């Protein structure tokens, strides 16, 4: 679990530090840096699995990702991480040298526990962790052991900005994407079919949880039909879906033999199914990043969603969830220390935990967290308790 995360010189994040909990929410107005924080966490985690060029999401070139496009600063990340062996700190520094269209290059890297171990690979397109865990070098035994520990703690981050239209699409088999959806949600049908083929008991348990929320649905069917093939996983390419044979999602309703295709189901049904699918993966992801999980969900269903997410993080050593939200209804199911508010000052992102908010401390025994946020607004709720002031 990432307990503290610091990022410098990434987009609007000139110098931002956060204390994180097993499940953590980022709130604040649009363009306040919430998504950039998720992207920064994703970049650090992805750097242990892919070339640094692909660790950063979206389309970019040159120094567009660097604070104010500056020529000198590099982007740096630092995470305090807790795993089964205790606490350690991992940091990564990335530069973007000329020519302007070159990928990010590793400038310096550090692992610290009882000792400091330098993974530095100057001007290299891969992180030291990736390199050491993919190449045998008996002369670097300590470095390799440390790199394996970092990779085990960070590897396989999941980032979701689900689109119900893409969740509904039938999907063709792909051996390279077992148990994995795209960030958009494309591939849900394939992921469900993987779970069904791997562990029928887990699928049945997931289906039972789904029916408890939607009792009007009798069962989930995965049926053969023309489907779409997943696009290549590359952050700079525009995905082009091709047709192939695959399977689609259908719902059998109670007291009816008719099957309803996923394309005709409500957004809320598909989104809840996607959350339950992530919960049912045979190997839960270490870090899951969600953009606005309230989208498409009825406010009264949000408690079910948060309950599902908390079920995924019940063992903090396995999965951590960090999400953004604009919903005061969702916020009602979080404690103040599980929420960080983001705001912009002079073009850069500033953050504060709601457990340090003067407004929250004064009103929480009367009002819910969502009510306080709605009534006081982002600016007032960001004002901290004065030094030495009690609750």
Protein backbone atom coordinates (compact mmCIF):
# COMPACT_ATOMS: atom_id res chain seq x y z
CA UNK A 1 0.00 0.00 0.00
CA UNK A 2 1.21 3.52 -0.84
CA UNK A 3 1.05 5.48 2.43
CA UNK A 4 2.57 8.73 1.15
CA UNK A 5 2.95 9.96 -2.42
CA UNK A 6 4.90 12.98 -3.64
CA UNK A 7 5.14 14.27 -7.20
CA UNK A 8 7.07 17.26 -8.52
CA UNK A 9 6.90 19.12 -11.85
CA UNK A 10 4.16 17.02 -13.47
CA UNK A 11 1.56 19.19 -15.23
CA UNK A 12 0.02 21.44 -12.52
CA UNK A 13 1.64 19.39 -9.75
CA UNK A 14 4.69 21.53 -9.08
CA UNK A 15 5.17 19.95 -5.65
CA UNK A 16 2.31 17.92 -4.19
CA UNK A 17 2.37 15.45 -1.30
CA UNK A 18 -0.49 13.26 -0.10
CA UNK A 19 -0.99 10.91 2.80
CA UNK A 20 -3.07 8.02 1.48
CA UNK A 21 -5.35 5.45 3.10
CA UNK A 22 -6.38 1.99 1.79
CA UNK A 23 -9.34 3.68 0.08
CA UNK A 24 -8.92 7.38 -0.64
CA UNK A 25 -11.00 10.04 -2.40
CA UNK A 26 -9.80 13.19 -4.18
CA UNK A 27 -12.31 16.03 -4.39
CA UNK A 28 -12.24 19.59 -5.68
CA UNK A 29 -13.40 21.67 -8.65
CA UNK A 30 -12.69 20.85 -12.29
CA UNK A 31 -9.10 21.53 -13.37
CA UNK A 32 -7.83 21.35 -9.79
CA UNK A 33 -5.36 18.52 -10.46
CA UNK A 34 -7.28 15.44 -9.29
CA UNK A 35 -6.84 13.53 -12.53
CA UNK A 36 -3.20 14.59 -12.76
CA UNK A 37 -2.58 13.01 -9.34
CA UNK A 38 -4.11 9.72 -10.52
CA UNK A 39 -2.01 9.90 -13.69
CA UNK A 40 1.14 10.51 -11.64
CA UNK A 41 0.46 7.49 -9.41
CA UNK A 42 -0.24 5.42 -12.51
CA UNK A 43 3.03 6.58 -14.14
CA UNK A 44 5.08 5.53 -11.11
CA UNK A 45 3.39 2.12 -10.96
CA UNK A 46 3.52 1.50 -14.72
CA UNK A 47 7.22 2.38 -14.84
CA UNK A 48 8.03 -1.05 -13.37
CA UNK A 49 6.15 -2.84 -16.20
CA UNK A 50 6.60 -0.85 -19.42
CA UNK A 51 9.00 1.60 -21.12
CA UNK A 52 8.87 5.04 -19.50
CA UNK A 53 7.37 6.45 -22.68
CA UNK A 54 4.30 4.26 -22.10
CA UNK A 55 4.16 4.86 -18.36
CA UNK A 56 2.71 8.34 -18.92
CA UNK A 57 -0.91 8.33 -20.09
CA UNK A 58 -2.41 10.18 -23.02
CA UNK A 59 -0.81 11.78 -26.06
CA UNK A 60 2.15 14.07 -25.38
CA UNK A 61 5.39 15.21 -26.95
CA UNK A 62 8.53 17.00 -25.86
CA UNK A 63 8.20 18.57 -22.43
CA UNK A 64 4.43 19.02 -22.46
CA UNK A 65 4.08 17.00 -19.26
CA UNK A 66 6.63 19.08 -17.34
CA UNK A 67 5.50 21.92 -15.06
CA UNK A 68 5.07 24.99 -17.30
CA UNK A 69 7.02 23.18 -20.03
CA UNK A 70 10.20 24.25 -18.25
CA UNK A 71 13.54 23.23 -19.72
CA UNK A 72 15.34 22.42 -16.47
CA UNK A 73 13.10 20.49 -14.02
CA UNK A 74 12.62 16.76 -14.35
CA UNK A 75 9.46 15.02 -13.20
CA UNK A 76 10.05 13.16 -9.96
CA UNK A 77 7.95 10.74 -7.94
CA UNK A 78 8.42 9.41 -4.44
CA UNK A 79 6.26 6.85 -2.67
CA UNK A 80 6.41 5.51 0.87
CA UNK A 81 5.15 1.94 0.53
CA UNK A 82 4.09 -0.63 3.11
CA UNK A 83 4.17 -4.31 2.20
CA UNK A 84 4.42 -7.60 4.08
CA UNK A 85 8.06 -6.87 4.89
CA UNK A 86 7.52 -3.43 6.39
CA UNK A 87 7.97 0.09 5.04
CA UNK A 88 10.26 1.38 2.30
CA UNK A 89 10.56 4.40 0.03
CA UNK A 90 10.91 4.32 -3.74
CA UNK A 91 11.65 7.33 -5.93
CA UNK A 92 11.91 7.82 -9.67
CA UNK A 93 13.17 10.80 -11.66
CA UNK A 94 12.31 11.17 -15.35
CA UNK A 95 13.65 13.63 -17.87
CA UNK A 96 12.55 14.45 -21.42
CA UNK A 97 15.67 15.17 -23.46
CA UNK A 98 15.91 16.40 -27.06
CA UNK A 99 14.78 15.66 -29.68
CA UNK A 100 11.32 16.83 -28.71
CA UNK A 101 9.51 13.65 -29.74
CA UNK A 102 11.67 11.28 -27.70
CA UNK A 103 10.24 9.19 -24.92
CA UNK A 104 10.75 9.91 -21.24
CA UNK A 105 14.18 8.81 -20.05
CA UNK A 106 15.17 7.68 -16.60
CA UNK A 107 17.60 10.10 -14.97
CA UNK A 108 17.89 8.73 -11.43
CA UNK A 109 16.22 6.20 -9.19
CA UNK A 110 16.50 5.24 -5.56
CA UNK A 111 15.29 2.51 -3.21
CA UNK A 112 15.68 3.03 0.52
CA UNK A 113 15.05 0.75 3.47
CA UNK A 114 17.81 0.12 6.00
CA UNK A 115 20.18 1.12 3.22
CA UNK A 116 20.00 3.18 0.05
CA UNK A 117 20.27 1.32 -3.23
CA UNK A 118 20.72 3.27 -6.44
CA UNK A 119 18.95 1.83 -9.50
CA UNK A 120 20.12 4.70 -11.71
CA UNK A 121 20.21 4.09 -15.46
CA UNK A 122 21.01 7.56 -16.86
CA UNK A 123 19.46 8.33 -20.25
CA UNK A 124 17.76 4.95 -20.43
CA UNK A 125 14.23 4.36 -21.79
CA UNK A 126 13.36 1.87 -19.00
CA UNK A 127 13.33 2.24 -15.24
CA UNK A 128 16.01 0.47 -13.23
CA UNK A 129 13.35 -1.70 -11.60
CA UNK A 130 12.17 -2.94 -14.99
CA UNK A 131 15.73 -3.56 -16.17
CA UNK A 132 16.88 -5.45 -13.07
CA UNK A 133 13.78 -7.65 -12.96
CA UNK A 134 14.17 -8.58 -16.64
CA UNK A 135 17.95 -9.15 -16.77
CA UNK A 136 20.04 -11.53 -14.65
CA UNK A 137 23.12 -9.95 -13.08
CA UNK A 138 24.74 -11.88 -10.22
CA UNK A 139 26.93 -8.89 -9.40
CA UNK A 140 23.81 -6.88 -8.48
CA UNK A 141 22.05 -9.34 -6.19
CA UNK A 142 21.00 -6.75 -3.58
CA UNK A 143 19.78 -4.35 -6.25
CA UNK A 144 17.78 -7.10 -7.96
CA UNK A 145 16.13 -8.22 -4.70
CA UNK A 146 15.15 -4.63 -3.96
CA UNK A 147 13.86 -4.17 -7.51
CA UNK A 148 11.70 -7.31 -7.23
CA UNK A 149 10.18 -5.95 -4.03
CA UNK A 150 9.37 -2.62 -5.67
CA UNK A 151 7.86 -4.35 -8.69
CA UNK A 152 5.72 -6.64 -6.53
CA UNK A 153 4.36 -3.59 -4.68
CA UNK A 154 3.61 -1.48 -7.76
CA UNK A 155 3.04 -3.80 -10.72
CA UNK A 156 -0.30 -4.12 -12.48
CA UNK A 157 -1.98 -0.82 -11.64
CA UNK A 158 -5.57 -0.57 -12.97
CA UNK A 159 -6.90 2.83 -14.09
CA UNK A 160 -10.59 3.10 -14.99
CA UNK A 161 -12.68 5.83 -16.58
CA UNK A 162 -15.59 3.60 -17.47
CA UNK A 163 -17.89 4.29 -20.40
CA UNK A 164 -21.07 2.19 -20.23
CA UNK A 165 -21.26 2.03 -24.04
CA UNK A 166 -17.85 0.34 -24.17
CA UNK A 167 -18.61 -1.92 -21.20
CA UNK A 168 -21.51 -3.28 -23.25
CA UNK A 169 -19.49 -4.25 -26.33
CA UNK A 170 -18.99 -7.96 -27.12
CA UNK A 171 -15.28 -8.84 -26.98
CA UNK A 172 -13.06 -11.26 -28.88
CA UNK A 173 -10.60 -13.55 -27.04
CA UNK A 174 -7.12 -12.18 -26.45
CA UNK A 175 -4.52 -14.26 -24.58
CA UNK A 176 -2.47 -11.13 -23.84
CA UNK A 177 -5.32 -9.49 -21.92
CA UNK A 178 -6.52 -12.16 -19.56
CA UNK A 179 -8.48 -10.79 -16.57
CA UNK A 180 -8.04 -7.21 -17.79
CA UNK A 181 -10.32 -4.45 -19.07
CA UNK A 182 -9.21 -1.31 -20.86
CA UNK A 183 -9.42 1.94 -18.83
CA UNK A 184 -12.64 2.74 -20.75
CA UNK A 185 -14.21 -0.56 -19.69
CA UNK A 186 -13.86 -2.21 -23.09
CA UNK A 187 -13.25 -5.93 -22.55
CA UNK A 188 -15.75 -6.53 -19.75
CA UNK A 189 -17.28 -9.51 -21.58
CA UNK A 190 -13.86 -11.11 -22.08
CA UNK A 191 -12.90 -10.49 -18.45
CA UNK A 192 -16.12 -12.12 -17.25
CA UNK A 193 -15.53 -15.09 -19.55
CA UNK A 194 -11.98 -15.45 -18.19
CA UNK A 195 -13.32 -15.55 -14.63
CA UNK A 196 -16.02 -18.08 -15.57
CA UNK A 197 -13.49 -20.36 -17.27
CA UNK A 198 -10.93 -20.04 -14.47
CA UNK A 199 -13.13 -20.30 -11.37
CA UNK A 200 -16.85 -21.07 -11.74
CA UNK A 201 -17.36 -20.73 -8.00
CA UNK A 202 -15.96 -17.17 -8.04
CA UNK A 203 -18.23 -16.34 -11.00
CA UNK A 204 -21.26 -17.74 -9.18
CA UNK A 205 -20.43 -15.71 -6.07
CA UNK A 206 -20.05 -12.58 -8.16
CA UNK A 207 -23.37 -13.28 -9.88
CA UNK A 208 -25.06 -13.72 -6.49
CA UNK A 209 -23.75 -10.33 -5.30
CA UNK A 210 -25.00 -8.80 -8.53
CA UNK A 211 -28.47 -10.32 -8.11
CA UNK A 212 -28.65 -9.03 -4.53
CA UNK A 213 -28.44 -5.51 -5.97
CA UNK A 214 -30.60 -6.20 -9.05
CA UNK A 215 -33.04 -8.97 -8.00
CA UNK A 216 -35.03 -8.53 -11.20
CA UNK A 217 -32.11 -10.11 -13.11
CA UNK A 218 -32.02 -13.92 -12.83
CA UNK A 219 -28.61 -14.64 -14.37
CA UNK A 220 -25.71 -13.36 -16.48
CA UNK A 221 -25.08 -15.10 -19.80
CA UNK A 222 -21.97 -14.96 -22.01
CA UNK A 223 -22.99 -15.99 -25.52
CA UNK A 224 -21.03 -16.33 -28.79
CA UNK A 225 -21.52 -13.55 -31.32
CA UNK A 226 -19.51 -11.24 -33.62
CA UNK A 227 -17.30 -9.18 -31.35
CA UNK A 228 -14.59 -6.57 -31.21
CA UNK A 229 -10.90 -7.31 -30.82
CA UNK A 230 -8.98 -5.28 -28.23
CA UNK A 231 -6.66 -2.57 -29.51
CA UNK A 232 -2.94 -2.54 -28.75
CA UNK A 233 -2.11 -1.15 -25.29
CA UNK A 234 -0.12 1.95 -26.18
CA UNK A 235 -0.71 5.33 -24.58
CA UNK A 236 0.12 7.28 -27.76
CA UNK A 237 -1.94 5.32 -30.25
CA UNK A 238 -5.61 5.79 -31.09
CA UNK A 239 -7.35 2.44 -30.53
CA UNK A 240 -8.97 0.95 -33.63
CA UNK A 241 -11.34 -1.92 -32.89
CA UNK A 242 -11.52 -4.80 -35.37
CA UNK A 243 -14.25 -7.40 -35.67
CA UNK A 244 -13.77 -11.07 -34.81
CA UNK A 245 -15.63 -13.93 -33.15
CA UNK A 246 -16.18 -13.53 -29.43
CA UNK A 247 -18.80 -13.30 -26.71
CA UNK A 248 -21.35 -10.78 -25.54
CA UNK A 249 -23.07 -10.15 -22.22
CA UNK A 250 -26.77 -10.94 -21.84
CA UNK A 251 -29.11 -10.74 -18.85
CA UNK A 252 -31.92 -13.20 -18.25
CA UNK A 253 -34.75 -11.52 -16.39
CA UNK A 254 -36.89 -13.09 -13.68
CA UNK A 255 -40.12 -14.69 -14.94
CA UNK A 256 -39.02 -14.34 -18.56
CA UNK A 257 -37.17 -16.47 -21.08
CA UNK A 258 -36.10 -13.39 -23.00
CA UNK A 259 -32.48 -12.30 -22.89
CA UNK A 260 -31.57 -8.60 -22.69
CA UNK A 261 -28.26 -7.71 -24.40
CA UNK A 262 -25.84 -5.51 -22.50
CA UNK A 263 -26.33 -2.78 -25.09
CA UNK A 264 -29.95 -2.49 -23.89
CA UNK A 265 -29.18 -2.58 -20.16
CA UNK A 266 -28.94 0.55 -18.02
CA UNK A 267 -25.60 2.23 -17.35
CA UNK A 268 -25.97 1.48 -13.65
CA UNK A 269 -26.35 -2.27 -14.25
CA UNK A 270 -23.19 -2.37 -16.38
CA UNK A 271 -21.16 -0.22 -14.00
CA UNK A 272 -22.07 -2.32 -10.96
CA UNK A 273 -21.20 -5.46 -12.94
CA UNK A 274 -17.81 -3.94 -13.80
CA UNK A 275 -17.05 -3.20 -10.12
CA UNK A 276 -17.98 -6.74 -9.13
CA UNK A 277 -15.80 -8.09 -11.94
CA UNK A 278 -12.73 -6.28 -10.59
CA UNK A 279 -13.54 -7.68 -7.14
CA UNK A 280 -13.67 -11.21 -8.57
CA UNK A 281 -10.29 -11.24 -10.32
CA UNK A 282 -8.14 -14.22 -9.23
CA UNK A 283 -5.26 -11.86 -8.40
CA UNK A 284 -6.58 -8.55 -7.05
CA UNK A 285 -4.66 -5.54 -8.44
CA UNK A 286 -2.29 -3.75 -6.06
CA UNK A 287 -3.54 -0.28 -6.97
CA UNK A 288 -6.86 0.64 -8.61
CA UNK A 289 -7.52 4.21 -9.77
CA UNK A 290 -11.13 5.26 -10.49
CA UNK A 291 -12.34 8.43 -12.17
CA UNK A 292 -15.71 9.56 -10.77
CA UNK A 293 -17.24 6.16 -9.92
CA UNK A 294 -20.57 7.88 -9.25
CA UNK A 295 -21.19 8.53 -12.97
CA UNK A 296 -24.21 6.59 -14.20
CA UNK A 297 -25.09 5.34 -10.69
CA UNK A 298 -28.27 6.34 -8.87
CA UNK A 299 -27.38 8.19 -5.62
CA UNK A 300 -29.04 5.49 -3.52
CA UNK A 301 -26.82 2.86 -5.19
CA UNK A 302 -23.62 4.67 -4.20
CA UNK A 303 -23.55 3.00 -0.80
CA UNK A 304 -23.49 -0.35 -2.63
CA UNK A 305 -20.60 0.87 -4.79
CA UNK A 306 -18.54 2.07 -1.81
CA UNK A 307 -19.31 -1.16 0.02
CA UNK A 308 -17.97 -3.11 -2.97
CA UNK A 309 -14.85 -0.98 -3.10
CA UNK A 310 -14.24 -1.40 0.62
CA UNK A 311 -14.61 -5.14 0.13
CA UNK A 312 -11.79 -4.97 -2.39
CA UNK A 313 -9.46 -3.21 0.07
CA UNK A 314 -10.35 -5.13 3.22
CA UNK A 315 -6.80 -6.45 3.20
CA UNK A 316 -4.66 -3.35 2.81
CA UNK A 317 -1.63 -5.38 1.74
CA UNK A 318 -3.44 -6.57 -1.40
CA UNK A 319 -5.38 -3.72 -2.98
CA UNK A 320 -5.53 0.04 -2.59
CA UNK A 321 -8.17 2.25 -4.24
CA UNK A 322 -7.74 5.94 -5.04
CA UNK A 323 -10.61 7.74 -6.75
CA UNK A 324 -11.83 11.16 -7.79
CA UNK A 325 -15.38 12.31 -7.19
CA UNK A 326 -17.70 15.29 -7.56
CA UNK A 327 -20.49 13.61 -5.60
CA UNK A 328 -21.36 14.74 -2.06
CA UNK A 329 -23.52 11.60 -1.81
CA UNK A 330 -20.46 9.41 -2.37
CA UNK A 331 -18.45 11.46 0.11
CA UNK A 332 -20.94 10.63 2.86
CA UNK A 333 -19.47 7.13 2.99
CA UNK A 334 -15.90 8.31 3.65
CA UNK A 335 -14.12 9.41 6.81
CA UNK A 336 -12.36 12.82 6.78
CA UNK A 337 -8.89 11.27 6.83
CA UNK A 338 -9.83 9.31 3.68
CA UNK A 339 -10.43 12.47 1.65
CA UNK A 340 -8.03 15.01 0.13
CA UNK A 341 -9.29 18.23 -1.44
CA UNK A 342 -7.45 19.70 -4.41
CA UNK A 343 -7.48 23.33 -5.52
CA UNK A 344 -5.46 25.60 -7.81
CA UNK A 345 -3.45 28.57 -6.56
CA UNK A 346 -1.43 30.63 -9.04
CA UNK A 347 -1.64 27.82 -11.55
CA UNK A 348 -0.40 25.01 -9.32
CA UNK A 349 -2.26 22.35 -7.39
CA UNK A 350 -2.47 22.49 -3.60
CA UNK A 351 -3.93 19.73 -1.44
CA UNK A 352 -5.33 19.35 2.08
CA UNK A 353 -6.85 16.45 4.00
CA UNK A 354 -10.38 16.97 5.27
CA UNK A 355 -9.36 15.65 8.67
CA UNK A 356 -7.37 18.92 9.00
CA UNK A 357 -10.27 21.13 7.87
CA UNK A 358 -11.55 23.65 10.41
CA UNK A 359 -15.03 23.51 8.89
CA UNK A 360 -15.19 19.71 9.01
CA UNK A 361 -13.98 19.47 12.60
CA UNK A 362 -16.56 22.01 13.77
CA UNK A 363 -19.55 20.43 12.01
CA UNK A 364 -18.97 16.70 11.59
CA UNK A 365 -20.90 15.79 14.74
CA UNK A 366 -23.97 17.48 13.22
CA UNK A 367 -23.71 17.11 9.45
CA UNK A 368 -22.39 14.48 7.07
CA UNK A 369 -19.18 15.08 5.15
CA UNK A 370 -21.08 15.54 1.89
CA UNK A 371 -23.44 18.08 3.50
CA UNK A 372 -20.52 20.11 4.84
CA UNK A 373 -18.82 20.13 1.45
CA UNK A 374 -22.03 21.16 -0.32
CA UNK A 375 -22.81 23.96 2.15
CA UNK A 376 -19.32 25.41 2.60
CA UNK A 377 -17.80 24.82 -0.84
CA UNK A 378 -14.26 23.94 -1.85
CA UNK A 379 -12.54 27.10 -0.63
CA UNK A 380 -13.96 27.18 2.90
CA UNK A 381 -13.59 23.45 3.48
CA UNK A 382 -9.89 23.78 2.55
CA UNK A 383 -9.12 26.14 5.45
CA UNK A 384 -7.07 24.18 8.00
CA UNK A 385 -7.36 24.21 11.76
CA UNK A 386 -5.01 26.84 13.20
CA UNK A 387 -1.82 25.51 14.76
CA UNK A 388 -2.44 24.41 18.34
CA UNK A 389 -6.24 24.61 18.00
CA UNK A 390 -8.18 21.60 19.26
CA UNK A 391 -11.20 19.93 17.71
